[in-house]
């Protein structure tokens, strides 16, 4: 692969990682604002089934959002920021 094609592929990769991370972060913010059992304003005390569903969903969302703290992801995002600063 030529150096120019490699740089183009690296930039495309960095852009894709950045877009995906931003989308996941926005989704997480929305979940925490509107649905997460620990931070939303939904009263689930009267509906045990809804409480169970939202508790499970909230835990799953937290697991998925943890990927944003993965060293591989943070490294890719740092590299993306650095490549855009050049």
C-alpha atoms as a PDB file:
ATOM      1  CA  UNK A   1       0.000   0.000   0.000  1.00  0.00           C
ATOM      2  CA  UNK A   2       1.376   3.410  -0.872  1.00  0.00           C
ATOM      3  CA  UNK A   3       2.048   5.884   1.956  1.00  0.00           C
ATOM      4  CA  UNK A   4      -0.742   8.173   0.717  1.00  0.00           C
ATOM      5  CA  UNK A   5      -3.256   5.325   0.716  1.00  0.00           C
ATOM      6  CA  UNK A   6      -2.116   4.282   4.206  1.00  0.00           C
ATOM      7  CA  UNK A   7      -2.540   7.827   5.521  1.00  0.00           C
ATOM      8  CA  UNK A   8      -5.989   7.986   3.918  1.00  0.00           C
ATOM      9  CA  UNK A   9      -6.950   4.684   5.504  1.00  0.00           C
ATOM     10  CA  UNK A  10      -5.645   5.840   8.895  1.00  0.00           C
ATOM     11  CA  UNK A  11      -7.643   9.066   8.664  1.00  0.00           C
ATOM     12  CA  UNK A  12     -10.779   7.169   7.642  1.00  0.00           C
ATOM     13  CA  UNK A  13     -10.275   4.784  10.574  1.00  0.00           C
ATOM     14  CA  UNK A  14      -9.731   7.651  12.994  1.00  0.00           C
ATOM     15  CA  UNK A  15     -12.805   9.467  11.691  1.00  0.00           C
ATOM     16  CA  UNK A  16     -14.932   6.327  11.984  1.00  0.00           C
ATOM     17  CA  UNK A  17     -13.806   5.674  15.558  1.00  0.00           C
ATOM     18  CA  UNK A  18     -14.528   9.291  16.468  1.00  0.00           C
ATOM     19  CA  UNK A  19     -18.008   9.225  14.925  1.00  0.00           C
ATOM     20  CA  UNK A  20     -18.886   5.928  16.603  1.00  0.00           C
ATOM     21  CA  UNK A  21     -17.600   7.061  19.992  1.00  0.00           C
ATOM     22  CA  UNK A  22     -19.518  10.336  19.763  1.00  0.00           C
ATOM     23  CA  UNK A  23     -22.723   8.521  18.806  1.00  0.00           C
ATOM     24  CA  UNK A  24     -22.341   6.029  21.643  1.00  0.00           C
ATOM     25  CA  UNK A  25     -21.635   8.851  24.082  1.00  0.00           C
ATOM     26  CA  UNK A  26     -24.774  10.742  22.971  1.00  0.00           C
ATOM     27  CA  UNK A  27     -26.838   7.557  23.236  1.00  0.00           C
ATOM     28  CA  UNK A  28     -25.498   6.981  26.739  1.00  0.00           C
ATOM     29  CA  UNK A  29     -26.351  10.531  27.754  1.00  0.00           C
ATOM     30  CA  UNK A  30     -29.878  10.076  26.459  1.00  0.00           C
ATOM     31  CA  UNK A  31     -30.300   6.762  28.259  1.00  0.00           C
ATOM     32  CA  UNK A  32     -29.051   8.235  31.525  1.00  0.00           C
ATOM     33  CA  UNK A  33     -31.288  11.261  31.149  1.00  0.00           C
ATOM     34  CA  UNK A  34     -34.487   9.480  30.155  1.00  0.00           C
ATOM     35  CA  UNK A  35     -34.375   5.797  31.107  1.00  0.00           C
ATOM     36  CA  UNK A  36     -31.601   4.880  33.510  1.00  0.00           C
ATOM     37  CA  UNK A  37     -33.040   3.727  36.816  1.00  0.00           C
ATOM     38  CA  UNK A  38     -30.494   5.649  38.865  1.00  0.00           C
ATOM     39  CA  UNK A  39     -30.795   8.988  37.106  1.00  0.00           C
ATOM     40  CA  UNK A  40     -34.147   9.267  35.337  1.00  0.00           C
ATOM     41  CA  UNK A  41     -37.335  10.648  36.749  1.00  0.00           C
ATOM     42  CA  UNK A  42     -39.376   7.538  36.037  1.00  0.00           C
ATOM     43  CA  UNK A  43     -41.247   6.227  39.058  1.00  0.00           C
ATOM     44  CA  UNK A  44     -41.154   2.458  38.706  1.00  0.00           C
ATOM     45  CA  UNK A  45     -42.251   1.684  42.252  1.00  0.00           C
ATOM     46  CA  UNK A  46     -45.780   0.770  41.131  1.00  0.00           C
ATOM     47  CA  UNK A  47     -44.714  -1.517  38.286  1.00  0.00           C
ATOM     48  CA  UNK A  48     -42.305  -4.282  39.256  1.00  0.00           C
ATOM     49  CA  UNK A  49     -42.068  -5.586  35.694  1.00  0.00           C
ATOM     50  CA  UNK A  50     -41.107  -2.143  34.370  1.00  0.00           C
ATOM     51  CA  UNK A  51     -38.632  -1.754  37.224  1.00  0.00           C
ATOM     52  CA  UNK A  52     -37.029  -5.080  36.360  1.00  0.00           C
ATOM     53  CA  UNK A  53     -36.893  -4.261  32.653  1.00  0.00           C
ATOM     54  CA  UNK A  54     -35.350  -0.825  33.186  1.00  0.00           C
ATOM     55  CA  UNK A  55     -32.884  -2.166  35.755  1.00  0.00           C
ATOM     56  CA  UNK A  56     -31.689  -4.804  33.305  1.00  0.00           C
ATOM     57  CA  UNK A  57     -31.587  -2.306  30.452  1.00  0.00           C
ATOM     58  CA  UNK A  58     -29.670   0.204  32.564  1.00  0.00           C
ATOM     59  CA  UNK A  59     -27.080  -2.396  33.557  1.00  0.00           C
ATOM     60  CA  UNK A  60     -26.663  -3.485  29.926  1.00  0.00           C
ATOM     61  CA  UNK A  61     -26.326   0.127  28.780  1.00  0.00           C
ATOM     62  CA  UNK A  62     -23.644   0.733  31.404  1.00  0.00           C
ATOM     63  CA  UNK A  63     -21.738  -2.352  30.200  1.00  0.00           C
ATOM     64  CA  UNK A  64     -21.902  -1.145  26.599  1.00  0.00           C
ATOM     65  CA  UNK A  65     -20.864   2.388  27.500  1.00  0.00           C
ATOM     66  CA  UNK A  66     -17.833   1.068  29.372  1.00  0.00           C
ATOM     67  CA  UNK A  67     -16.226   0.429  25.976  1.00  0.00           C
ATOM     68  CA  UNK A  68     -15.602   4.175  25.751  1.00  0.00           C
ATOM     69  CA  UNK A  69     -13.106   3.764  28.609  1.00  0.00           C
ATOM     70  CA  UNK A  70     -11.319   0.831  26.955  1.00  0.00           C
ATOM     71  CA  UNK A  71      -7.623   1.655  26.408  1.00  0.00           C
ATOM     72  CA  UNK A  72      -7.844   0.697  22.723  1.00  0.00           C
ATOM     73  CA  UNK A  73     -10.721   3.127  22.207  1.00  0.00           C
ATOM     74  CA  UNK A  74      -9.113   5.963  24.153  1.00  0.00           C
ATOM     75  CA  UNK A  75      -5.877   5.440  22.210  1.00  0.00           C
ATOM     76  CA  UNK A  76      -7.726   5.491  18.895  1.00  0.00           C
ATOM     77  CA  UNK A  77      -9.561   8.667  19.880  1.00  0.00           C
ATOM     78  CA  UNK A  78      -6.316  10.324  20.985  1.00  0.00           C
ATOM     79  CA  UNK A  79      -4.711   9.359  17.675  1.00  0.00           C
ATOM     80  CA  UNK A  80      -7.706  10.748  15.804  1.00  0.00           C
ATOM     81  CA  UNK A  81      -7.445  14.053  17.645  1.00  0.00           C
ATOM     82  CA  UNK A  82      -3.724  14.198  16.971  1.00  0.00           C
ATOM     83  CA  UNK A  83      -4.159  13.478  13.262  1.00  0.00           C
ATOM     84  CA  UNK A  84      -6.724  16.262  12.938  1.00  0.00           C
ATOM     85  CA  UNK A  85      -4.409  18.735  14.688  1.00  0.00           C
ATOM     86  CA  UNK A  86      -1.671  18.246  12.105  1.00  0.00           C
END
